[in-house]
Amino acid sequence: MTPMKTWQMRRNCALSPKQLLKFYIALVCLSITVAIGFLIAGVWVIPVFTALELTAVTLGFLIYCRHALDYEAIEIIDQRLIVRKFIGYKESVYEFNTQWAKIEPPLAGQKVFFISQSNLRVELGQFLRLEQQLPLISSVKNHLH
């Protein structure tokens, strides 16, 4: 049995979902405080716009959180090449044989590459910069038989 080799490709997010939640709570508290202050002063239009603002911010944060944990992974265990894609809380797992799997490098200017075998073809590399793709492809190819 040969040791396992793993390559992880993750989305580059500035804030984790937990950090974003803390920021969101602070933003909501500040906005509501300001809106209540204007409401007490008799300016009713500010709370209306605050509600619209918080609705838009909430939608944006939900979309951000849905994809903050996205990743792609390639694992090689013995003669199995396993590709895991976790996109928007949905995990897909694909299994290839290392003797028959082929890596198709990206075409000029393309952001993704493919791993294929027979009629199964999986797109990878959406979280990599272009200069990271070729070293990764080379490293994975070195572990194929």
N, C-alpha and C. Protein backbone atom coordinates (compact mmCIF):
# COMPACT_ATOMS: atom_id res chain seq x y z
N MET A 1 0.85 -1.19 0.00
CA MET A 1 0.00 0.00 0.00
C MET A 1 0.89 1.24 0.00
N THR A 2 0.68 2.11 -0.97
CA THR A 2 1.46 3.34 -1.04
C THR A 2 0.80 4.42 -0.20
N PRO A 3 1.58 5.35 0.29
CA PRO A 3 0.99 6.42 1.11
C PRO A 3 0.06 7.31 0.27
N MET A 4 -0.82 7.96 0.99
CA MET A 4 -1.79 8.84 0.34
C MET A 4 -1.14 10.19 0.04
N LYS A 5 -1.46 10.76 -1.10
CA LYS A 5 -1.01 12.09 -1.48
C LYS A 5 -2.24 12.94 -1.75
N THR A 6 -2.28 14.16 -1.19
CA THR A 6 -3.45 15.03 -1.32
C THR A 6 -3.04 16.43 -1.77
N TRP A 7 -3.83 17.00 -2.67
CA TRP A 7 -3.68 18.39 -3.08
C TRP A 7 -5.02 19.09 -2.81
N GLN A 8 -4.99 20.20 -2.09
CA GLN A 8 -6.20 20.97 -1.78
C GLN A 8 -6.17 22.29 -2.54
N MET A 9 -7.30 22.66 -3.10
CA MET A 9 -7.46 23.95 -3.77
C MET A 9 -8.67 24.62 -3.13
N ARG A 10 -8.44 25.72 -2.44
CA ARG A 10 -9.51 26.40 -1.72
C ARG A 10 -9.74 27.81 -2.27
N ARG A 11 -10.94 28.27 -2.05
CA ARG A 11 -11.30 29.65 -2.38
C ARG A 11 -10.52 30.58 -1.45
N ASN A 12 -10.02 31.68 -1.98
CA ASN A 12 -9.29 32.65 -1.18
C ASN A 12 -10.28 33.67 -0.62
N CYS A 13 -10.69 33.46 0.63
CA CYS A 13 -11.67 34.34 1.28
C CYS A 13 -10.99 35.15 2.37
N ALA A 14 -11.30 36.42 2.42
CA ALA A 14 -10.70 37.30 3.42
C ALA A 14 -11.23 37.02 4.82
N LEU A 15 -12.49 36.63 4.92
CA LEU A 15 -13.10 36.38 6.22
C LEU A 15 -13.69 34.98 6.26
N SER A 16 -13.53 34.32 7.40
CA SER A 16 -14.19 33.03 7.60
C SER A 16 -15.67 33.33 7.89
N PRO A 17 -16.54 32.35 7.76
CA PRO A 17 -17.95 32.58 8.09
C PRO A 17 -18.15 33.07 9.53
N LYS A 18 -17.35 32.59 10.46
CA LYS A 18 -17.48 33.02 11.86
C LYS A 18 -17.09 34.50 12.01
N GLN A 19 -16.00 34.92 11.36
CA GLN A 19 -15.59 36.32 11.41
C GLN A 19 -16.64 37.20 10.73
N LEU A 20 -17.19 36.73 9.63
CA LEU A 20 -18.22 37.48 8.92
C LEU A 20 -19.46 37.65 9.78
N LEU A 21 -19.83 36.62 10.53
CA LEU A 21 -20.99 36.70 11.41
C LEU A 21 -20.78 37.77 12.48
N LYS A 22 -19.59 37.82 13.08
CA LYS A 22 -19.29 38.84 14.08
C LYS A 22 -19.38 40.24 13.48
N PHE A 23 -18.82 40.41 12.27
CA PHE A 23 -18.89 41.70 11.59
C PHE A 23 -20.35 42.06 11.27
N TYR A 24 -21.11 41.09 10.81
CA TYR A 24 -22.51 41.31 10.46
C TYR A 24 -23.31 41.75 11.69
N ILE A 25 -23.13 41.09 12.82
CA ILE A 25 -23.84 41.46 14.05
C ILE A 25 -23.49 42.89 14.46
N ALA A 26 -22.21 43.24 14.38
CA ALA A 26 -21.79 44.61 14.72
C ALA A 26 -22.44 45.62 13.77
N LEU A 27 -22.46 45.31 12.48
CA LEU A 27 -23.06 46.20 11.49
C LEU A 27 -24.56 46.38 11.73
N VAL A 28 -25.26 45.30 12.02
CA VAL A 28 -26.71 45.36 12.27
C VAL A 28 -26.98 46.20 13.52
N CYS A 29 -26.22 45.94 14.60
CA CYS A 29 -26.42 46.71 15.84
C CYS A 29 -26.19 48.20 15.61
N LEU A 30 -25.12 48.55 14.90
CA LEU A 30 -24.82 49.96 14.63
C LEU A 30 -25.92 50.59 13.77
N SER A 31 -26.33 49.90 12.71
CA SER A 31 -27.36 50.45 11.82
C SER A 31 -28.69 50.64 12.54
N ILE A 32 -29.08 49.67 13.34
CA ILE A 32 -30.34 49.78 14.07
C ILE A 32 -30.27 50.90 15.11
N THR A 33 -29.13 51.03 15.76
CA THR A 33 -28.96 52.12 16.74
C THR A 33 -29.13 53.48 16.08
N VAL A 34 -28.49 53.66 14.94
CA VAL A 34 -28.62 54.93 14.20
C VAL A 34 -30.06 55.14 13.75
N ALA A 35 -30.69 54.09 13.23
CA ALA A 35 -32.07 54.20 12.75
C ALA A 35 -33.03 54.57 13.89
N ILE A 36 -32.84 53.96 15.05
CA ILE A 36 -33.70 54.26 16.21
C ILE A 36 -33.49 55.71 16.65
N GLY A 37 -32.23 56.16 16.62
CA GLY A 37 -31.94 57.56 16.97
C GLY A 37 -32.68 58.53 16.07
N PHE A 38 -32.68 58.28 14.77
CA PHE A 38 -33.39 59.15 13.83
C PHE A 38 -34.91 59.02 14.00
N LEU A 39 -35.38 57.82 14.31
CA LEU A 39 -36.81 57.63 14.51
C LEU A 39 -37.29 58.41 15.73
N ILE A 40 -36.51 58.40 16.80
CA ILE A 40 -36.84 59.17 18.01
C ILE A 40 -36.84 60.67 17.70
N ALA A 41 -35.93 61.08 16.81
CA ALA A 41 -35.85 62.50 16.42
C ALA A 41 -36.97 62.88 15.45
N GLY A 42 -37.77 61.91 15.02
CA GLY A 42 -38.90 62.22 14.15
C GLY A 42 -38.63 62.03 12.67
N VAL A 43 -37.48 61.52 12.31
CA VAL A 43 -37.16 61.29 10.90
C VAL A 43 -37.45 59.80 10.61
N TRP A 44 -38.62 59.53 10.07
CA TRP A 44 -39.06 58.16 9.86
C TRP A 44 -38.47 57.49 8.63
N VAL A 45 -37.93 58.26 7.70
CA VAL A 45 -37.44 57.71 6.44
C VAL A 45 -36.11 56.93 6.63
N ILE A 46 -35.32 57.31 7.61
CA ILE A 46 -34.03 56.64 7.84
C ILE A 46 -34.23 55.17 8.23
N PRO A 47 -35.14 54.83 9.15
CA PRO A 47 -35.36 53.40 9.45
C PRO A 47 -35.80 52.58 8.24
N VAL A 48 -36.55 53.21 7.33
CA VAL A 48 -36.98 52.50 6.12
C VAL A 48 -35.75 52.15 5.27
N PHE A 49 -34.87 53.12 5.07
CA PHE A 49 -33.67 52.87 4.28
C PHE A 49 -32.71 51.92 5.01
N THR A 50 -32.71 51.97 6.33
CA THR A 50 -31.89 51.04 7.10
C THR A 50 -32.38 49.61 6.89
N ALA A 51 -33.68 49.42 6.86
CA ALA A 51 -34.24 48.08 6.61
C ALA A 51 -33.86 47.58 5.21
N LEU A 52 -33.93 48.48 4.22
CA LEU A 52 -33.52 48.11 2.86
C LEU A 52 -32.03 47.77 2.81
N GLU A 53 -31.22 48.58 3.47
CA GLU A 53 -29.77 48.36 3.51
C GLU A 53 -29.45 47.00 4.15
N LEU A 54 -30.07 46.73 5.30
CA LEU A 54 -29.78 45.48 5.99
C LEU A 54 -30.27 44.26 5.21
N THR A 55 -31.35 44.41 4.47
CA THR A 55 -31.82 43.32 3.61
C THR A 55 -30.81 43.02 2.52
N ALA A 56 -30.31 44.06 1.86
CA ALA A 56 -29.32 43.87 0.80
C ALA A 56 -28.02 43.29 1.34
N VAL A 57 -27.56 43.80 2.47
CA VAL A 57 -26.32 43.29 3.08
C VAL A 57 -26.49 41.84 3.50
N THR A 58 -27.65 41.51 4.06
CA THR A 58 -27.91 40.13 4.48
C THR A 58 -27.87 39.17 3.29
N LEU A 59 -28.49 39.55 2.19
CA LEU A 59 -28.45 38.71 0.98
C LEU A 59 -27.02 38.53 0.48
N GLY A 60 -26.26 39.60 0.45
CA GLY A 60 -24.86 39.52 0.02
C GLY A 60 -24.03 38.62 0.92
N PHE A 61 -24.20 38.74 2.21
CA PHE A 61 -23.46 37.92 3.16
C PHE A 61 -23.86 36.44 3.05
N LEU A 62 -25.15 36.17 2.82
CA LEU A 62 -25.58 34.78 2.66
C LEU A 62 -24.96 34.14 1.43
N ILE A 63 -24.89 34.90 0.35
CA ILE A 63 -24.25 34.40 -0.87
C ILE A 63 -22.77 34.15 -0.63
N TYR A 64 -22.11 35.09 0.05
CA TYR A 64 -20.68 34.95 0.37
C TYR A 64 -20.46 33.70 1.22
N CYS A 65 -21.26 33.52 2.27
CA CYS A 65 -21.09 32.38 3.18
C CYS A 65 -21.35 31.05 2.47
N ARG A 66 -22.27 31.04 1.54
CA ARG A 66 -22.58 29.80 0.82
C ARG A 66 -21.36 29.27 0.09
N HIS A 67 -20.49 30.15 -0.36
CA HIS A 67 -19.33 29.71 -1.14
C HIS A 67 -17.99 29.91 -0.43
N ALA A 68 -17.99 30.39 0.79
CA ALA A 68 -16.73 30.64 1.50
C ALA A 68 -15.94 29.37 1.80
N LEU A 69 -16.63 28.25 1.93
CA LEU A 69 -15.96 26.99 2.27
C LEU A 69 -15.74 26.08 1.06
N ASP A 70 -15.98 26.57 -0.13
CA ASP A 70 -15.80 25.77 -1.34
C ASP A 70 -14.34 25.31 -1.47
N TYR A 71 -14.17 24.10 -2.00
CA TYR A 71 -12.83 23.61 -2.26
C TYR A 71 -12.87 22.51 -3.31
N GLU A 72 -11.70 22.21 -3.84
CA GLU A 72 -11.49 21.06 -4.71
C GLU A 72 -10.29 20.32 -4.14
N ALA A 73 -10.31 19.00 -4.19
CA ALA A 73 -9.20 18.20 -3.68
C ALA A 73 -8.93 17.03 -4.61
N ILE A 74 -7.66 16.70 -4.73
CA ILE A 74 -7.24 15.52 -5.48
C ILE A 74 -6.49 14.63 -4.50
N GLU A 75 -6.89 13.38 -4.41
CA GLU A 75 -6.22 12.42 -3.53
C GLU A 75 -5.79 11.22 -4.36
N ILE A 76 -4.60 10.73 -4.06
CA ILE A 76 -4.15 9.49 -4.69
C ILE A 76 -3.88 8.49 -3.58
N ILE A 77 -4.60 7.38 -3.63
CA ILE A 77 -4.43 6.29 -2.68
C ILE A 77 -4.25 5.02 -3.50
N ASP A 78 -3.08 4.43 -3.41
CA ASP A 78 -2.75 3.25 -4.20
C ASP A 78 -2.97 3.57 -5.68
N GLN A 79 -3.90 2.85 -6.33
CA GLN A 79 -4.16 3.09 -7.75
C GLN A 79 -5.45 3.86 -7.99
N ARG A 80 -5.92 4.53 -6.95
CA ARG A 80 -7.15 5.31 -7.07
C ARG A 80 -6.82 6.80 -7.02
N LEU A 81 -7.35 7.54 -7.96
CA LEU A 81 -7.26 9.00 -7.96
C LEU A 81 -8.68 9.48 -7.66
N ILE A 82 -8.83 10.16 -6.52
CA ILE A 82 -10.16 10.61 -6.08
C ILE A 82 -10.21 12.14 -6.15
N VAL A 83 -11.22 12.64 -6.82
CA VAL A 83 -11.43 14.09 -6.92
C VAL A 83 -12.66 14.43 -6.10
N ARG A 84 -12.50 15.38 -5.19
CA ARG A 84 -13.62 15.87 -4.37
C ARG A 84 -13.84 17.34 -4.70
N LYS A 85 -15.10 17.67 -4.95
CA LYS A 85 -15.47 19.07 -5.19
C LYS A 85 -16.59 19.42 -4.22
N PHE A 86 -16.37 20.45 -3.42
CA PHE A 86 -17.37 20.91 -2.46
C PHE A 86 -17.73 22.34 -2.87
N ILE A 87 -18.85 22.49 -3.55
CA ILE A 87 -19.26 23.79 -4.10
C ILE A 87 -20.68 24.09 -3.62
N GLY A 88 -20.82 25.19 -2.87
CA GLY A 88 -22.14 25.60 -2.41
C GLY A 88 -22.83 24.56 -1.55
N TYR A 89 -22.12 23.96 -0.62
CA TYR A 89 -22.63 22.94 0.30
C TYR A 89 -22.99 21.63 -0.39
N LYS A 90 -22.54 21.41 -1.62
CA LYS A 90 -22.80 20.16 -2.32
C LYS A 90 -21.47 19.50 -2.63
N GLU A 91 -21.29 18.28 -2.15
CA GLU A 91 -20.03 17.57 -2.41
C GLU A 91 -20.23 16.55 -3.51
N SER A 92 -19.29 16.56 -4.45
CA SER A 92 -19.26 15.56 -5.52
C SER A 92 -17.93 14.83 -5.43
N VAL A 93 -17.97 13.52 -5.58
CA VAL A 93 -16.75 12.70 -5.50
C VAL A 93 -16.65 11.88 -6.79
N TYR A 94 -15.47 11.92 -7.40
CA TYR A 94 -15.21 11.19 -8.64
C TYR A 94 -14.00 10.31 -8.41
N GLU A 95 -14.04 9.09 -8.93
CA GLU A 95 -12.92 8.17 -8.74
C GLU A 95 -12.38 7.71 -10.09
N PHE A 96 -11.05 7.76 -10.21
CA PHE A 96 -10.35 7.36 -11.43
C PHE A 96 -9.30 6.31 -11.06
N ASN A 97 -8.84 5.58 -12.06
CA ASN A 97 -7.72 4.67 -11.90
C ASN A 97 -6.47 5.42 -12.33
N THR A 98 -5.42 5.39 -11.50
CA THR A 98 -4.20 6.16 -11.81
C THR A 98 -3.51 5.68 -13.08
N GLN A 99 -3.78 4.44 -13.50
CA GLN A 99 -3.15 3.94 -14.74
C GLN A 99 -3.83 4.48 -15.99
N TRP A 100 -5.09 4.84 -15.87
CA TRP A 100 -5.84 5.26 -17.06
C TRP A 100 -6.24 6.73 -17.05
N ALA A 101 -6.13 7.37 -15.92
CA ALA A 101 -6.54 8.79 -15.84
C ALA A 101 -5.58 9.66 -16.64
N LYS A 102 -6.14 10.66 -17.26
CA LYS A 102 -5.34 11.63 -18.03
C LYS A 102 -5.64 13.02 -17.51
N ILE A 103 -4.61 13.84 -17.46
CA ILE A 103 -4.78 15.24 -17.08
C ILE A 103 -4.64 16.07 -18.34
N GLU A 104 -5.66 16.84 -18.61
CA GLU A 104 -5.66 17.73 -19.77
C GLU A 104 -5.29 19.12 -19.29
N PRO A 105 -4.11 19.62 -19.65
CA PRO A 105 -3.73 20.96 -19.20
C PRO A 105 -4.66 22.02 -19.79
N PRO A 106 -4.71 23.18 -19.16
CA PRO A 106 -5.62 24.23 -19.67
C PRO A 106 -5.17 24.72 -21.04
N LEU A 107 -6.13 25.04 -21.85
CA LEU A 107 -5.82 25.67 -23.13
C LEU A 107 -5.36 27.09 -22.84
N ALA A 108 -4.73 27.72 -23.79
CA ALA A 108 -4.17 29.06 -23.60
C ALA A 108 -5.21 30.01 -23.02
N GLY A 109 -4.90 30.58 -21.86
CA GLY A 109 -5.77 31.56 -21.23
C GLY A 109 -6.93 30.98 -20.45
N GLN A 110 -7.12 29.66 -20.49
CA GLN A 110 -8.21 29.05 -19.73
C GLN A 110 -7.87 28.99 -18.26
N LYS A 111 -8.87 29.05 -17.43
CA LYS A 111 -8.67 29.04 -15.99
C LYS A 111 -8.75 27.65 -15.39
N VAL A 112 -9.22 26.66 -16.12
CA VAL A 112 -9.43 25.33 -15.57
C VAL A 112 -8.69 24.28 -16.39
N PHE A 113 -8.44 23.13 -15.74
CA PHE A 113 -7.92 21.96 -16.42
C PHE A 113 -8.86 20.80 -16.14
N PHE A 114 -8.61 19.65 -16.78
CA PHE A 114 -9.53 18.52 -16.65
C PHE A 114 -8.76 17.25 -16.31
N ILE A 115 -9.41 16.39 -15.54
CA ILE A 115 -8.95 15.02 -15.35
C ILE A 115 -10.01 14.15 -15.99
N SER A 116 -9.57 13.21 -16.85
CA SER A 116 -10.54 12.40 -17.57
C SER A 116 -10.11 10.94 -17.62
N GLN A 117 -11.11 10.11 -17.82
CA GLN A 117 -10.91 8.68 -18.02
C GLN A 117 -12.18 8.16 -18.66
N SER A 118 -12.04 7.48 -19.77
CA SER A 118 -13.18 7.00 -20.54
C SER A 118 -14.10 8.18 -20.85
N ASN A 119 -15.37 8.10 -20.43
CA ASN A 119 -16.30 9.21 -20.72
C ASN A 119 -16.56 10.06 -19.48
N LEU A 120 -15.73 9.93 -18.43
CA LEU A 120 -15.83 10.78 -17.25
C LEU A 120 -14.78 11.88 -17.34
N ARG A 121 -15.23 13.13 -17.23
CA ARG A 121 -14.32 14.28 -17.36
C ARG A 121 -14.69 15.29 -16.29
N VAL A 122 -13.72 15.64 -15.43
CA VAL A 122 -13.98 16.53 -14.30
C VAL A 122 -13.14 17.79 -14.45
N GLU A 123 -13.80 18.93 -14.31
CA GLU A 123 -13.15 20.24 -14.39
C GLU A 123 -12.58 20.61 -13.02
N LEU A 124 -11.33 21.08 -13.00
CA LEU A 124 -10.67 21.49 -11.76
C LEU A 124 -9.88 22.77 -11.97
N GLY A 125 -9.49 23.39 -10.86
CA GLY A 125 -8.57 24.52 -10.92
C GLY A 125 -9.22 25.88 -10.83
N GLN A 126 -10.51 25.95 -10.53
CA GLN A 126 -11.16 27.25 -10.50
C GLN A 126 -10.66 28.14 -9.36
N PHE A 127 -10.01 27.54 -8.34
CA PHE A 127 -9.51 28.31 -7.21
C PHE A 127 -8.01 28.59 -7.31
N LEU A 128 -7.39 28.24 -8.43
CA LEU A 128 -5.96 28.44 -8.60
C LEU A 128 -5.69 29.64 -9.49
N ARG A 129 -4.58 30.30 -9.21
CA ARG A 129 -4.11 31.32 -10.14
C ARG A 129 -3.44 30.59 -11.30
N LEU A 130 -3.36 31.24 -12.44
CA LEU A 130 -2.80 30.60 -13.64
C LEU A 130 -1.40 30.07 -13.40
N GLU A 131 -0.57 30.80 -12.65
CA GLU A 131 0.82 30.36 -12.42
C GLU A 131 0.90 29.17 -11.46
N GLN A 132 -0.19 28.82 -10.79
CA GLN A 132 -0.20 27.67 -9.88
C GLN A 132 -0.65 26.40 -10.60
N GLN A 133 -1.30 26.53 -11.73
CA GLN A 133 -1.88 25.37 -12.41
C GLN A 133 -0.83 24.37 -12.89
N LEU A 134 0.15 24.83 -13.65
CA LEU A 134 1.12 23.90 -14.23
C LEU A 134 1.94 23.15 -13.19
N PRO A 135 2.43 23.81 -12.10
CA PRO A 135 3.13 23.02 -11.06
C PRO A 135 2.23 21.96 -10.42
N LEU A 136 0.96 22.28 -10.21
CA LEU A 136 0.04 21.30 -9.64
C LEU A 136 -0.17 20.13 -10.60
N ILE A 137 -0.41 20.44 -11.86
CA ILE A 137 -0.61 19.39 -12.86
C ILE A 137 0.62 18.49 -12.94
N SER A 138 1.79 19.10 -12.94
CA SER A 138 3.04 18.33 -12.99
C SER A 138 3.18 17.43 -11.78
N SER A 139 2.87 17.94 -10.61
CA SER A 139 2.96 17.17 -9.39
C SER A 139 2.00 15.99 -9.38
N VAL A 140 0.78 16.20 -9.85
CA VAL A 140 -0.19 15.10 -9.90
C VAL A 140 0.25 14.07 -10.95
N LYS A 141 0.73 14.52 -12.10
CA LYS A 141 1.18 13.61 -13.15
C LYS A 141 2.30 12.70 -12.65
N ASN A 142 3.17 13.22 -11.80
CA ASN A 142 4.27 12.42 -11.26
C ASN A 142 3.78 11.24 -10.42
N HIS A 143 2.54 11.30 -9.92
CA HIS A 143 1.98 10.23 -9.10
C HIS A 143 1.08 9.29 -9.89
N LEU A 144 0.88 9.57 -11.18
CA LEU A 144 0.08 8.68 -12.01
C LEU A 144 0.99 7.57 -12.55
N HIS A 145 0.41 6.42 -12.83
CA HIS A 145 1.21 5.27 -13.31
C HIS A 145 1.16 5.19 -14.81
